[in-house]
Amino acid sequence: MLIAGNWKMFRGPDPAALVGLDAVICPSYTRLRDCVEAGLTTFAQNVHWEWEGAYTGEIAAPLLLELGVVGSLVGHSERRQYFGETDETVAKRVRAALDAGLRVIACVGETQHEREGGETEEVLRRQLAVLEPHPELVLAYEPVWAIGTGRTATPEMAQEAHAFIKSQLDAPVLYGGSVKPDNAAALLSQPDVDGALVGGASLEAGSLKAICETAARIPS
């Protein structure tokens, strides 16, 4: 059961308050070193497909590895929505990161419009078609309509989506969509939910710890 905390463009809690926590932490770039030095399993929030070059504002896998960062998120819904990330660029980033020796959490998921149009499986199939199985690849299902909105897919909806994703690509699948201490148990108890990608609730150390404690109680 993997729990990953995505701090997005927030400072986040003191890494010292999370020492010993069995979780992946995805801080902003300025806090990567702090998290690594605290001994936390540290992922970046994005990584470029080239190892160096004239790509202002991007970060290369070798630079992350130099810091002691061990993985990266790729294709988060906010990267797709606000920064023009496409299925093809997600695939390039994933392949480059894995080839460099980073672990990857690749994000997929549908918008509210797509879900209401009955397009969820079509969207997921398209997003997954560009990816290939890899021992260090984990997927995260993000119903985009539940990101930062306080809305959460029901456990049954999450299970249905996760089962479909696994039918398309053999990889562990995290649920990401307003996971909180009070709904974590119901979501994490679903048979095809292998953990959680936690956003807002990871910005408070006690909240993230509570989710990790819940995950530890779920039978494997």
N, C-alpha and C. Protein backbone atom coordinates (compact mmCIF):
# COMPACT_ATOMS: atom_id res chain seq x y z
N MET A 1 0.86 -1.20 0.00
CA MET A 1 0.00 0.00 0.00
C MET A 1 0.89 1.24 0.00
N LEU A 2 0.82 2.01 -1.06
CA LEU A 2 1.67 3.18 -1.21
C LEU A 2 0.86 4.46 -1.00
N ILE A 3 1.36 5.33 -0.13
CA ILE A 3 0.76 6.64 0.07
C ILE A 3 1.76 7.69 -0.41
N ALA A 4 1.31 8.60 -1.26
CA ALA A 4 2.17 9.67 -1.76
C ALA A 4 1.50 11.01 -1.48
N GLY A 5 2.25 11.93 -0.92
CA GLY A 5 1.74 13.27 -0.63
C GLY A 5 2.25 14.27 -1.64
N ASN A 6 1.35 14.91 -2.37
CA ASN A 6 1.71 15.91 -3.37
C ASN A 6 1.46 17.30 -2.79
N TRP A 7 2.54 18.03 -2.53
CA TRP A 7 2.41 19.34 -1.90
C TRP A 7 2.12 20.45 -2.90
N LYS A 8 2.12 20.12 -4.19
CA LYS A 8 1.81 21.10 -5.23
C LYS A 8 2.65 22.37 -5.04
N MET A 9 2.10 23.55 -5.25
CA MET A 9 2.89 24.78 -5.11
C MET A 9 2.65 25.40 -3.73
N PHE A 10 2.77 24.54 -2.71
CA PHE A 10 2.68 24.98 -1.32
C PHE A 10 3.98 24.62 -0.62
N ARG A 11 4.28 25.32 0.46
CA ARG A 11 5.52 25.04 1.20
C ARG A 11 5.45 23.67 1.86
N GLY A 12 4.30 23.31 2.38
CA GLY A 12 4.17 22.01 3.03
C GLY A 12 4.70 22.02 4.46
N PRO A 13 4.50 20.93 5.18
CA PRO A 13 4.92 20.86 6.58
C PRO A 13 6.44 20.72 6.71
N ASP A 14 6.91 20.83 7.92
CA ASP A 14 8.33 20.63 8.22
C ASP A 14 8.68 19.17 7.95
N PRO A 15 9.64 18.88 7.07
CA PRO A 15 9.98 17.48 6.81
C PRO A 15 10.35 16.70 8.06
N ALA A 16 10.91 17.39 9.06
CA ALA A 16 11.29 16.70 10.30
C ALA A 16 10.08 16.08 10.99
N ALA A 17 8.90 16.68 10.76
CA ALA A 17 7.68 16.15 11.38
C ALA A 17 7.20 14.87 10.71
N LEU A 18 7.81 14.52 9.58
CA LEU A 18 7.39 13.34 8.83
C LEU A 18 8.43 12.22 8.85
N VAL A 19 9.51 12.43 9.59
CA VAL A 19 10.58 11.42 9.63
C VAL A 19 10.01 10.09 10.11
N GLY A 20 10.36 9.04 9.40
CA GLY A 20 9.89 7.70 9.75
C GLY A 20 8.56 7.33 9.13
N LEU A 21 7.94 8.29 8.44
CA LEU A 21 6.64 8.03 7.83
C LEU A 21 6.82 7.19 6.58
N ASP A 22 6.01 6.16 6.44
CA ASP A 22 6.08 5.27 5.28
C ASP A 22 5.24 5.88 4.15
N ALA A 23 5.83 6.86 3.48
CA ALA A 23 5.11 7.57 2.42
C ALA A 23 6.11 8.20 1.47
N VAL A 24 5.66 8.45 0.25
CA VAL A 24 6.41 9.23 -0.71
C VAL A 24 5.99 10.69 -0.56
N ILE A 25 6.95 11.60 -0.59
CA ILE A 25 6.66 13.02 -0.49
C ILE A 25 7.06 13.71 -1.79
N CYS A 26 6.14 14.48 -2.36
CA CYS A 26 6.38 15.21 -3.61
C CYS A 26 6.30 16.70 -3.31
N PRO A 27 7.40 17.31 -2.88
CA PRO A 27 7.38 18.74 -2.52
C PRO A 27 7.66 19.62 -3.73
N SER A 28 7.55 20.93 -3.52
CA SER A 28 7.98 21.87 -4.55
C SER A 28 9.50 21.77 -4.68
N TYR A 29 10.03 22.27 -5.80
CA TYR A 29 11.46 22.10 -6.08
C TYR A 29 12.35 22.66 -4.98
N THR A 30 11.95 23.78 -4.37
CA THR A 30 12.81 24.41 -3.37
C THR A 30 12.91 23.59 -2.09
N ARG A 31 12.05 22.58 -1.92
CA ARG A 31 12.07 21.79 -0.70
C ARG A 31 12.54 20.35 -0.93
N LEU A 32 12.95 20.07 -2.15
CA LEU A 32 13.43 18.72 -2.43
C LEU A 32 14.61 18.34 -1.53
N ARG A 33 15.59 19.22 -1.44
CA ARG A 33 16.78 18.90 -0.63
C ARG A 33 16.40 18.71 0.84
N ASP A 34 15.51 19.57 1.36
CA ASP A 34 15.10 19.44 2.76
C ASP A 34 14.50 18.06 3.02
N CYS A 35 13.66 17.60 2.10
CA CYS A 35 12.99 16.31 2.28
C CYS A 35 13.99 15.15 2.15
N VAL A 36 14.90 15.26 1.19
CA VAL A 36 15.92 14.22 1.03
C VAL A 36 16.79 14.15 2.28
N GLU A 37 17.23 15.31 2.78
CA GLU A 37 18.11 15.33 3.95
C GLU A 37 17.40 14.85 5.21
N ALA A 38 16.06 14.95 5.24
CA ALA A 38 15.30 14.43 6.38
C ALA A 38 15.11 12.91 6.28
N GLY A 39 15.57 12.33 5.18
CA GLY A 39 15.46 10.89 5.02
C GLY A 39 14.13 10.43 4.46
N LEU A 40 13.36 11.36 3.89
CA LEU A 40 12.06 11.00 3.33
C LEU A 40 12.22 10.46 1.90
N THR A 41 11.34 9.57 1.52
CA THR A 41 11.31 9.09 0.13
C THR A 41 10.76 10.21 -0.72
N THR A 42 11.62 10.85 -1.50
CA THR A 42 11.29 12.12 -2.14
C THR A 42 11.16 11.97 -3.65
N PHE A 43 10.02 12.41 -4.17
CA PHE A 43 9.75 12.46 -5.61
C PHE A 43 9.61 13.92 -6.03
N ALA A 44 10.00 14.23 -7.27
CA ALA A 44 9.70 15.53 -7.85
C ALA A 44 8.25 15.52 -8.34
N GLN A 45 7.77 16.70 -8.71
CA GLN A 45 6.40 16.81 -9.23
C GLN A 45 6.35 16.74 -10.75
N ASN A 46 7.52 16.76 -11.38
CA ASN A 46 7.59 16.67 -12.84
C ASN A 46 9.03 16.41 -13.23
N VAL A 47 9.26 15.92 -14.44
CA VAL A 47 10.60 15.68 -14.94
C VAL A 47 10.57 15.74 -16.47
N HIS A 48 11.63 16.32 -17.06
CA HIS A 48 11.67 16.46 -18.52
C HIS A 48 12.21 15.18 -19.16
N TRP A 49 11.96 15.05 -20.48
CA TRP A 49 12.41 13.85 -21.18
C TRP A 49 13.85 13.94 -21.66
N GLU A 50 14.41 15.16 -21.74
CA GLU A 50 15.82 15.29 -22.10
C GLU A 50 16.68 15.34 -20.84
N TRP A 51 17.91 14.92 -20.97
CA TRP A 51 18.81 14.88 -19.82
C TRP A 51 19.48 16.22 -19.55
N GLU A 52 19.49 17.10 -20.55
CA GLU A 52 19.96 18.47 -20.38
C GLU A 52 19.54 19.23 -21.63
N GLY A 53 19.66 20.55 -21.58
CA GLY A 53 19.34 21.32 -22.77
C GLY A 53 18.67 22.64 -22.46
N ALA A 54 18.28 23.35 -23.51
CA ALA A 54 17.68 24.67 -23.39
C ALA A 54 16.17 24.53 -23.18
N TYR A 55 15.81 24.15 -21.98
CA TYR A 55 14.39 23.94 -21.63
C TYR A 55 14.11 24.70 -20.33
N THR A 56 14.07 26.02 -20.45
CA THR A 56 13.92 26.88 -19.28
C THR A 56 12.69 26.48 -18.46
N GLY A 57 12.90 26.36 -17.17
CA GLY A 57 11.80 26.03 -16.26
C GLY A 57 11.58 24.55 -16.05
N GLU A 58 12.29 23.71 -16.79
CA GLU A 58 12.14 22.26 -16.65
C GLU A 58 13.25 21.69 -15.76
N ILE A 59 13.13 20.41 -15.42
CA ILE A 59 14.14 19.75 -14.60
C ILE A 59 14.43 18.39 -15.21
N ALA A 60 15.71 18.02 -15.27
CA ALA A 60 16.13 16.77 -15.88
C ALA A 60 16.33 15.69 -14.82
N ALA A 61 16.14 14.45 -15.23
CA ALA A 61 16.28 13.33 -14.31
C ALA A 61 17.66 13.27 -13.64
N PRO A 62 18.76 13.46 -14.38
CA PRO A 62 20.07 13.40 -13.70
C PRO A 62 20.23 14.44 -12.61
N LEU A 63 19.63 15.63 -12.80
CA LEU A 63 19.72 16.66 -11.76
C LEU A 63 18.95 16.25 -10.51
N LEU A 64 17.82 15.60 -10.72
CA LEU A 64 17.05 15.10 -9.57
C LEU A 64 17.83 14.00 -8.84
N LEU A 65 18.42 13.10 -9.59
CA LEU A 65 19.17 12.01 -8.99
C LEU A 65 20.36 12.54 -8.19
N GLU A 66 21.00 13.62 -8.67
CA GLU A 66 22.11 14.24 -7.94
C GLU A 66 21.68 14.68 -6.55
N LEU A 67 20.44 15.13 -6.43
CA LEU A 67 19.92 15.60 -5.15
C LEU A 67 19.53 14.46 -4.21
N GLY A 68 19.42 13.26 -4.75
CA GLY A 68 18.94 12.15 -3.95
C GLY A 68 17.46 11.90 -4.11
N VAL A 69 16.84 12.60 -5.07
CA VAL A 69 15.43 12.36 -5.39
C VAL A 69 15.33 11.01 -6.09
N VAL A 70 14.32 10.21 -5.74
CA VAL A 70 14.26 8.83 -6.26
C VAL A 70 13.13 8.60 -7.26
N GLY A 71 12.29 9.61 -7.49
CA GLY A 71 11.19 9.40 -8.42
C GLY A 71 10.53 10.71 -8.78
N SER A 72 9.45 10.60 -9.57
CA SER A 72 8.73 11.81 -9.99
C SER A 72 7.28 11.47 -10.32
N LEU A 73 6.41 12.42 -10.03
CA LEU A 73 5.08 12.40 -10.62
C LEU A 73 5.22 12.76 -12.10
N VAL A 74 4.34 12.26 -12.92
CA VAL A 74 4.29 12.65 -14.33
C VAL A 74 2.82 12.71 -14.76
N GLY A 75 2.47 13.74 -15.53
CA GLY A 75 1.15 13.81 -16.12
C GLY A 75 0.02 14.13 -15.16
N HIS A 76 0.33 14.80 -14.06
CA HIS A 76 -0.74 15.18 -13.13
C HIS A 76 -1.80 16.00 -13.88
N SER A 77 -3.04 15.88 -13.46
CA SER A 77 -4.13 16.55 -14.16
C SER A 77 -3.91 18.06 -14.27
N GLU A 78 -3.26 18.65 -13.27
CA GLU A 78 -3.00 20.09 -13.34
C GLU A 78 -1.94 20.42 -14.39
N ARG A 79 -0.99 19.51 -14.61
CA ARG A 79 -0.03 19.70 -15.69
C ARG A 79 -0.73 19.60 -17.05
N ARG A 80 -1.67 18.69 -17.16
CA ARG A 80 -2.41 18.55 -18.41
C ARG A 80 -3.32 19.75 -18.63
N GLN A 81 -4.00 20.19 -17.57
CA GLN A 81 -5.00 21.25 -17.70
C GLN A 81 -4.38 22.62 -17.92
N TYR A 82 -3.34 22.94 -17.15
CA TYR A 82 -2.81 24.30 -17.16
C TYR A 82 -1.57 24.49 -18.03
N PHE A 83 -0.85 23.42 -18.32
CA PHE A 83 0.44 23.56 -18.98
C PHE A 83 0.55 22.76 -20.27
N GLY A 84 -0.57 22.32 -20.79
CA GLY A 84 -0.58 21.72 -22.11
C GLY A 84 0.04 20.35 -22.23
N GLU A 85 0.18 19.65 -21.11
CA GLU A 85 0.73 18.30 -21.16
C GLU A 85 -0.21 17.40 -21.98
N THR A 86 0.36 16.58 -22.83
CA THR A 86 -0.43 15.68 -23.67
C THR A 86 -0.07 14.23 -23.34
N ASP A 87 -0.85 13.31 -23.85
CA ASP A 87 -0.53 11.90 -23.65
C ASP A 87 0.88 11.59 -24.18
N GLU A 88 1.23 12.18 -25.30
CA GLU A 88 2.52 11.91 -25.92
C GLU A 88 3.67 12.47 -25.08
N THR A 89 3.54 13.69 -24.55
CA THR A 89 4.63 14.23 -23.73
C THR A 89 4.71 13.51 -22.39
N VAL A 90 3.56 13.08 -21.87
CA VAL A 90 3.58 12.27 -20.64
C VAL A 90 4.38 11.01 -20.88
N ALA A 91 4.13 10.35 -22.01
CA ALA A 91 4.84 9.11 -22.32
C ALA A 91 6.35 9.34 -22.42
N LYS A 92 6.75 10.46 -23.06
CA LYS A 92 8.17 10.77 -23.20
C LYS A 92 8.82 11.00 -21.84
N ARG A 93 8.11 11.71 -20.97
CA ARG A 93 8.64 11.97 -19.63
C ARG A 93 8.77 10.67 -18.84
N VAL A 94 7.74 9.84 -18.91
CA VAL A 94 7.76 8.57 -18.18
C VAL A 94 8.93 7.71 -18.63
N ARG A 95 9.08 7.55 -19.94
CA ARG A 95 10.15 6.70 -20.45
C ARG A 95 11.53 7.22 -20.05
N ALA A 96 11.73 8.54 -20.16
CA ALA A 96 13.02 9.12 -19.82
C ALA A 96 13.33 8.94 -18.34
N ALA A 97 12.34 9.17 -17.50
CA ALA A 97 12.55 9.04 -16.06
C ALA A 97 12.89 7.60 -15.68
N LEU A 98 12.14 6.66 -16.21
CA LEU A 98 12.40 5.25 -15.91
C LEU A 98 13.76 4.82 -16.44
N ASP A 99 14.11 5.27 -17.65
CA ASP A 99 15.41 4.92 -18.22
C ASP A 99 16.56 5.48 -17.38
N ALA A 100 16.32 6.62 -16.74
CA ALA A 100 17.36 7.24 -15.92
C ALA A 100 17.49 6.58 -14.55
N GLY A 101 16.52 5.76 -14.19
CA GLY A 101 16.56 5.09 -12.90
C GLY A 101 15.65 5.69 -11.85
N LEU A 102 14.78 6.61 -12.26
CA LEU A 102 13.79 7.16 -11.34
C LEU A 102 12.56 6.25 -11.28
N ARG A 103 11.89 6.25 -10.17
CA ARG A 103 10.55 5.66 -10.07
C ARG A 103 9.55 6.69 -10.59
N VAL A 104 8.40 6.22 -11.05
CA VAL A 104 7.42 7.14 -11.64
C VAL A 104 6.02 6.82 -11.14
N ILE A 105 5.27 7.88 -10.80
CA ILE A 105 3.83 7.79 -10.59
C ILE A 105 3.19 8.56 -11.74
N ALA A 106 2.60 7.84 -12.69
CA ALA A 106 1.98 8.46 -13.87
C ALA A 106 0.48 8.59 -13.64
N CYS A 107 -0.05 9.79 -13.86
CA CYS A 107 -1.44 10.09 -13.52
C CYS A 107 -2.35 10.02 -14.74
N VAL A 108 -3.52 9.46 -14.54
CA VAL A 108 -4.55 9.39 -15.58
C VAL A 108 -5.89 9.70 -14.94
N GLY A 109 -6.86 10.11 -15.77
CA GLY A 109 -8.19 10.38 -15.22
C GLY A 109 -9.02 11.24 -16.14
N GLU A 110 -10.33 11.22 -15.89
CA GLU A 110 -11.27 11.92 -16.76
C GLU A 110 -11.83 13.18 -16.09
N THR A 111 -12.30 14.12 -16.92
CA THR A 111 -12.94 15.32 -16.42
C THR A 111 -14.41 15.04 -16.12
N GLN A 112 -15.07 16.00 -15.50
CA GLN A 112 -16.49 15.85 -15.23
C GLN A 112 -17.29 15.72 -16.53
N HIS A 113 -16.92 16.55 -17.52
CA HIS A 113 -17.61 16.50 -18.81
C HIS A 113 -17.46 15.12 -19.46
N GLU A 114 -16.27 14.56 -19.37
CA GLU A 114 -16.02 13.24 -19.96
C GLU A 114 -16.77 12.15 -19.22
N ARG A 115 -16.83 12.25 -17.90
CA ARG A 115 -17.57 11.25 -17.14
C ARG A 115 -19.05 11.34 -17.46
N GLU A 116 -19.60 12.54 -17.46
CA GLU A 116 -21.03 12.70 -17.74
C GLU A 116 -21.38 12.25 -19.17
N GLY A 117 -20.39 12.30 -20.06
CA GLY A 117 -20.62 11.86 -21.43
C GLY A 117 -20.37 10.38 -21.64
N GLY A 118 -20.12 9.67 -20.56
CA GLY A 118 -19.88 8.23 -20.66
C GLY A 118 -18.55 7.88 -21.32
N GLU A 119 -17.59 8.80 -21.22
CA GLU A 119 -16.32 8.62 -21.93
C GLU A 119 -15.18 8.17 -21.02
N THR A 120 -15.47 7.83 -19.77
CA THR A 120 -14.39 7.53 -18.82
C THR A 120 -13.45 6.44 -19.34
N GLU A 121 -13.99 5.31 -19.76
CA GLU A 121 -13.14 4.22 -20.21
C GLU A 121 -12.37 4.60 -21.48
N GLU A 122 -13.01 5.33 -22.37
CA GLU A 122 -12.33 5.76 -23.60
C GLU A 122 -11.15 6.65 -23.28
N VAL A 123 -11.34 7.58 -22.34
CA VAL A 123 -10.26 8.49 -21.95
C VAL A 123 -9.13 7.72 -21.29
N LEU A 124 -9.46 6.85 -20.36
CA LEU A 124 -8.43 6.07 -19.68
C LEU A 124 -7.68 5.17 -20.65
N ARG A 125 -8.40 4.56 -21.56
CA ARG A 125 -7.76 3.68 -22.54
C ARG A 125 -6.74 4.47 -23.38
N ARG A 126 -7.13 5.68 -23.79
CA ARG A 126 -6.23 6.52 -24.59
C ARG A 126 -4.99 6.94 -23.80
N GLN A 127 -5.20 7.34 -22.55
CA GLN A 127 -4.08 7.80 -21.72
C GLN A 127 -3.12 6.66 -21.40
N LEU A 128 -3.65 5.47 -21.25
CA LEU A 128 -2.82 4.32 -20.88
C LEU A 128 -2.12 3.69 -22.08
N ALA A 129 -2.68 3.89 -23.27
CA ALA A 129 -2.15 3.23 -24.47
C ALA A 129 -0.72 3.65 -24.77
N VAL A 130 -0.30 4.83 -24.31
CA VAL A 130 1.04 5.32 -24.61
C VAL A 130 2.08 4.86 -23.58
N LEU A 131 1.63 4.16 -22.55
CA LEU A 131 2.52 3.71 -21.49
C LEU A 131 2.80 2.21 -21.61
N GLU A 132 3.91 1.78 -21.04
CA GLU A 132 4.28 0.37 -21.06
C GLU A 132 4.56 -0.09 -19.65
N PRO A 133 4.31 -1.37 -19.34
CA PRO A 133 4.60 -1.88 -18.00
C PRO A 133 6.08 -1.73 -17.66
N HIS A 134 6.36 -1.45 -16.40
CA HIS A 134 7.73 -1.33 -15.93
C HIS A 134 7.72 -1.58 -14.42
N PRO A 135 8.73 -2.26 -13.89
CA PRO A 135 8.73 -2.56 -12.45
C PRO A 135 8.66 -1.33 -11.56
N GLU A 136 9.14 -0.18 -12.05
CA GLU A 136 9.16 1.04 -11.24
C GLU A 136 8.05 2.03 -11.61
N LEU A 137 7.07 1.56 -12.38
CA LEU A 137 5.95 2.42 -12.77
C LEU A 137 4.72 2.13 -11.92
N VAL A 138 4.20 3.18 -11.32
CA VAL A 138 2.93 3.13 -10.59
C VAL A 138 1.99 4.12 -11.27
N LEU A 139 0.72 3.79 -11.34
CA LEU A 139 -0.28 4.69 -11.90
C LEU A 139 -1.08 5.35 -10.79
N ALA A 140 -1.64 6.49 -11.07
CA ALA A 140 -2.55 7.15 -10.14
C ALA A 140 -3.80 7.54 -10.90
N TYR A 141 -4.94 7.05 -10.43
CA TYR A 141 -6.21 7.43 -11.04
C TYR A 141 -6.71 8.69 -10.37
N GLU A 142 -6.82 9.76 -11.17
CA GLU A 142 -7.33 11.03 -10.69
C GLU A 142 -8.63 11.37 -11.42
N PRO A 143 -9.78 11.16 -10.81
CA PRO A 143 -10.98 11.74 -11.41
C PRO A 143 -10.84 13.26 -11.31
N VAL A 144 -10.62 13.92 -12.44
CA VAL A 144 -10.24 15.34 -12.42
C VAL A 144 -11.29 16.18 -11.70
N TRP A 145 -12.53 15.76 -11.77
CA TRP A 145 -13.60 16.50 -11.11
C TRP A 145 -13.53 16.42 -9.59
N ALA A 146 -12.65 15.56 -9.07
CA ALA A 146 -12.50 15.44 -7.62
C ALA A 146 -11.20 16.04 -7.12
N ILE A 147 -10.43 16.69 -7.99
CA ILE A 147 -9.15 17.25 -7.58
C ILE A 147 -9.36 18.66 -7.03
N GLY A 148 -9.10 18.82 -5.74
CA GLY A 148 -9.21 20.14 -5.12
C GLY A 148 -10.61 20.68 -5.00
N THR A 149 -11.62 19.83 -5.24
CA THR A 149 -13.00 20.29 -5.19
C THR A 149 -13.72 19.86 -3.92
N GLY A 150 -13.10 18.95 -3.19
CA GLY A 150 -13.78 18.38 -2.03
C GLY A 150 -14.69 17.22 -2.40
N ARG A 151 -14.93 17.03 -3.69
CA ARG A 151 -15.73 15.90 -4.15
C ARG A 151 -14.83 14.67 -4.25
N THR A 152 -15.38 13.52 -3.98
CA THR A 152 -14.62 12.28 -4.02
C THR A 152 -15.43 11.23 -4.73
N ALA A 153 -14.77 10.45 -5.56
CA ALA A 153 -15.44 9.30 -6.15
C ALA A 153 -15.86 8.35 -5.03
N THR A 154 -17.01 7.73 -5.16
CA THR A 154 -17.40 6.73 -4.16
C THR A 154 -16.41 5.58 -4.23
N PRO A 155 -16.28 4.81 -3.17
CA PRO A 155 -15.39 3.64 -3.23
C PRO A 155 -15.72 2.73 -4.41
N GLU A 156 -17.01 2.58 -4.71
CA GLU A 156 -17.41 1.73 -5.83
C GLU A 156 -16.94 2.31 -7.16
N MET A 157 -17.04 3.63 -7.33
CA MET A 157 -16.57 4.27 -8.55
C MET A 157 -15.06 4.12 -8.69
N ALA A 158 -14.35 4.30 -7.58
CA ALA A 158 -12.90 4.14 -7.61
C ALA A 158 -12.52 2.72 -7.99
N GLN A 159 -13.17 1.74 -7.38
CA GLN A 159 -12.88 0.35 -7.68
C GLN A 159 -13.13 0.02 -9.15
N GLU A 160 -14.23 0.52 -9.69
CA GLU A 160 -14.55 0.25 -11.08
C GLU A 160 -13.48 0.81 -12.01
N ALA A 161 -13.05 2.04 -11.75
CA ALA A 161 -12.03 2.67 -12.59
C ALA A 161 -10.69 1.95 -12.45
N HIS A 162 -10.32 1.61 -11.23
CA HIS A 162 -9.04 0.93 -11.00
C HIS A 162 -9.01 -0.43 -11.68
N ALA A 163 -10.11 -1.17 -11.59
CA ALA A 163 -10.17 -2.48 -12.24
C ALA A 163 -10.01 -2.33 -13.75
N PHE A 164 -10.64 -1.30 -14.32
CA PHE A 164 -10.50 -1.09 -15.76
C PHE A 164 -9.06 -0.73 -16.12
N ILE A 165 -8.45 0.15 -15.34
CA ILE A 165 -7.06 0.55 -15.59
C ILE A 165 -6.15 -0.68 -15.58
N LYS A 166 -6.33 -1.55 -14.60
CA LYS A 166 -5.48 -2.74 -14.51
C LYS A 166 -5.74 -3.71 -15.65
N SER A 167 -6.92 -3.65 -16.24
CA SER A 167 -7.18 -4.49 -17.41
C SER A 167 -6.43 -4.00 -18.64
N GLN A 168 -6.01 -2.74 -18.60
CA GLN A 168 -5.29 -2.14 -19.72
C GLN A 168 -3.78 -2.16 -19.54
N LEU A 169 -3.32 -2.06 -18.29
CA LEU A 169 -1.88 -1.98 -18.02
C LEU A 169 -1.60 -2.60 -16.66
N ASP A 170 -0.64 -3.50 -16.61
CA ASP A 170 -0.31 -4.21 -15.39
C ASP A 170 0.60 -3.34 -14.51
N ALA A 171 -0.01 -2.66 -13.56
CA ALA A 171 0.74 -1.79 -12.65
C ALA A 171 -0.12 -1.51 -11.43
N PRO A 172 0.50 -1.22 -10.28
CA PRO A 172 -0.27 -0.78 -9.12
C PRO A 172 -0.96 0.54 -9.44
N VAL A 173 -2.12 0.77 -8.84
CA VAL A 173 -2.88 1.98 -9.11
C VAL A 173 -3.27 2.67 -7.80
N LEU A 174 -2.85 3.91 -7.64
CA LEU A 174 -3.23 4.72 -6.49
C LEU A 174 -4.50 5.49 -6.82
N TYR A 175 -5.30 5.82 -5.80
CA TYR A 175 -6.44 6.70 -6.00
C TYR A 175 -6.05 8.11 -5.58
N GLY A 176 -6.34 9.09 -6.44
CA GLY A 176 -6.04 10.48 -6.11
C GLY A 176 -7.23 11.36 -6.40
N GLY A 177 -7.87 11.86 -5.39
CA GLY A 177 -9.03 12.73 -5.59
C GLY A 177 -9.68 13.09 -4.28
N SER A 178 -9.12 14.08 -3.59
CA SER A 178 -9.66 14.53 -2.29
C SER A 178 -9.68 13.41 -1.25
N VAL A 179 -8.55 12.69 -1.16
CA VAL A 179 -8.40 11.68 -0.12
C VAL A 179 -8.14 12.38 1.21
N LYS A 180 -8.88 11.99 2.24
CA LYS A 180 -8.76 12.59 3.57
C LYS A 180 -8.78 11.48 4.61
N PRO A 181 -8.40 11.80 5.86
CA PRO A 181 -8.42 10.76 6.88
C PRO A 181 -9.79 10.10 7.05
N ASP A 182 -10.88 10.87 6.84
CA ASP A 182 -12.20 10.29 7.10
C ASP A 182 -12.75 9.45 5.95
N ASN A 183 -12.14 9.51 4.77
CA ASN A 183 -12.62 8.63 3.69
C ASN A 183 -11.57 7.64 3.23
N ALA A 184 -10.37 7.71 3.81
CA ALA A 184 -9.27 6.86 3.35
C ALA A 184 -9.57 5.38 3.51
N ALA A 185 -10.14 4.99 4.63
CA ALA A 185 -10.36 3.56 4.88
C ALA A 185 -11.28 2.95 3.84
N ALA A 186 -12.37 3.63 3.52
CA ALA A 186 -13.32 3.08 2.55
C ALA A 186 -12.70 2.97 1.17
N LEU A 187 -11.90 3.96 0.78
CA LEU A 187 -11.26 3.93 -0.53
C LEU A 187 -10.16 2.88 -0.59
N LEU A 188 -9.32 2.84 0.43
CA LEU A 188 -8.16 1.94 0.41
C LEU A 188 -8.54 0.49 0.61
N SER A 189 -9.75 0.24 1.07
CA SER A 189 -10.21 -1.14 1.27
C SER A 189 -10.66 -1.81 -0.02
N GLN A 190 -10.80 -1.05 -1.09
CA GLN A 190 -11.24 -1.62 -2.35
C GLN A 190 -10.14 -2.53 -2.92
N PRO A 191 -10.51 -3.67 -3.51
CA PRO A 191 -9.50 -4.66 -3.90
C PRO A 191 -8.48 -4.20 -4.92
N ASP A 192 -8.84 -3.26 -5.79
CA ASP A 192 -7.91 -2.81 -6.82
C ASP A 192 -7.31 -1.44 -6.54
N VAL A 193 -7.50 -0.94 -5.33
CA VAL A 193 -6.89 0.32 -4.91
C VAL A 193 -5.63 0.00 -4.12
N ASP A 194 -4.48 0.40 -4.66
CA ASP A 194 -3.19 0.01 -4.09
C ASP A 194 -2.52 1.12 -3.29
N GLY A 195 -3.28 2.17 -2.99
CA GLY A 195 -2.73 3.28 -2.23
C GLY A 195 -3.41 4.57 -2.63
N ALA A 196 -2.81 5.69 -2.25
CA ALA A 196 -3.44 6.99 -2.49
C ALA A 196 -2.41 8.05 -2.85
N LEU A 197 -2.79 8.91 -3.78
CA LEU A 197 -2.05 10.14 -4.07
C LEU A 197 -2.81 11.26 -3.39
N VAL A 198 -2.23 11.80 -2.33
CA VAL A 198 -2.93 12.73 -1.44
C VAL A 198 -2.49 14.15 -1.73
N GLY A 199 -3.43 15.04 -1.97
CA GLY A 199 -3.12 16.44 -2.24
C GLY A 199 -3.22 17.29 -1.00
N GLY A 200 -4.32 18.01 -0.86
CA GLY A 200 -4.48 18.96 0.25
C GLY A 200 -4.27 18.37 1.62
N ALA A 201 -4.70 17.14 1.83
CA ALA A 201 -4.57 16.52 3.15
C ALA A 201 -3.12 16.19 3.50
N SER A 202 -2.21 16.27 2.53
CA SER A 202 -0.80 16.00 2.83
C SER A 202 -0.06 17.24 3.31
N LEU A 203 -0.74 18.38 3.30
CA LEU A 203 -0.10 19.62 3.71
C LEU A 203 -0.09 19.81 5.22
N GLU A 204 -0.71 18.92 5.93
CA GLU A 204 -0.72 18.94 7.39
C GLU A 204 -0.19 17.59 7.87
N ALA A 205 0.88 17.63 8.64
CA ALA A 205 1.57 16.40 9.01
C ALA A 205 0.65 15.39 9.69
N GLY A 206 -0.18 15.86 10.59
CA GLY A 206 -1.07 14.95 11.30
C GLY A 206 -2.06 14.26 10.39
N SER A 207 -2.54 15.00 9.40
CA SER A 207 -3.50 14.45 8.45
C SER A 207 -2.86 13.37 7.59
N LEU A 208 -1.65 13.64 7.10
CA LEU A 208 -0.96 12.65 6.28
C LEU A 208 -0.62 11.41 7.10
N LYS A 209 -0.19 11.63 8.33
CA LYS A 209 0.12 10.48 9.20
C LYS A 209 -1.12 9.63 9.43
N ALA A 210 -2.27 10.26 9.61
CA ALA A 210 -3.50 9.50 9.85
C ALA A 210 -3.85 8.64 8.64
N ILE A 211 -3.65 9.18 7.44
CA ILE A 211 -3.92 8.39 6.24
C ILE A 211 -2.94 7.22 6.14
N CYS A 212 -1.68 7.45 6.45
CA CYS A 212 -0.69 6.38 6.42
C CYS A 212 -1.01 5.29 7.45
N GLU A 213 -1.48 5.71 8.62
CA GLU A 213 -1.86 4.73 9.64
C GLU A 213 -3.05 3.90 9.20
N THR A 214 -3.99 4.55 8.52
CA THR A 214 -5.13 3.82 7.98
C THR A 214 -4.67 2.80 6.95
N ALA A 215 -3.77 3.23 6.05
CA ALA A 215 -3.27 2.33 5.02
C ALA A 215 -2.57 1.12 5.62
N ALA A 216 -1.85 1.33 6.71
CA ALA A 216 -1.11 0.23 7.34
C ALA A 216 -2.04 -0.82 7.94
N ARG A 217 -3.27 -0.42 8.23
CA ARG A 217 -4.22 -1.37 8.82
C ARG A 217 -4.99 -2.17 7.76
N ILE A 218 -4.87 -1.77 6.50
CA ILE A 218 -5.60 -2.47 5.44
C ILE A 218 -4.88 -3.76 5.11
N PRO A 219 -5.55 -4.92 5.16
CA PRO A 219 -4.88 -6.19 4.83
C PRO A 219 -4.36 -6.16 3.40
N SER A 220 -3.16 -6.69 3.20
CA SER A 220 -2.57 -6.69 1.87
C SER A 220 -3.11 -7.86 1.04
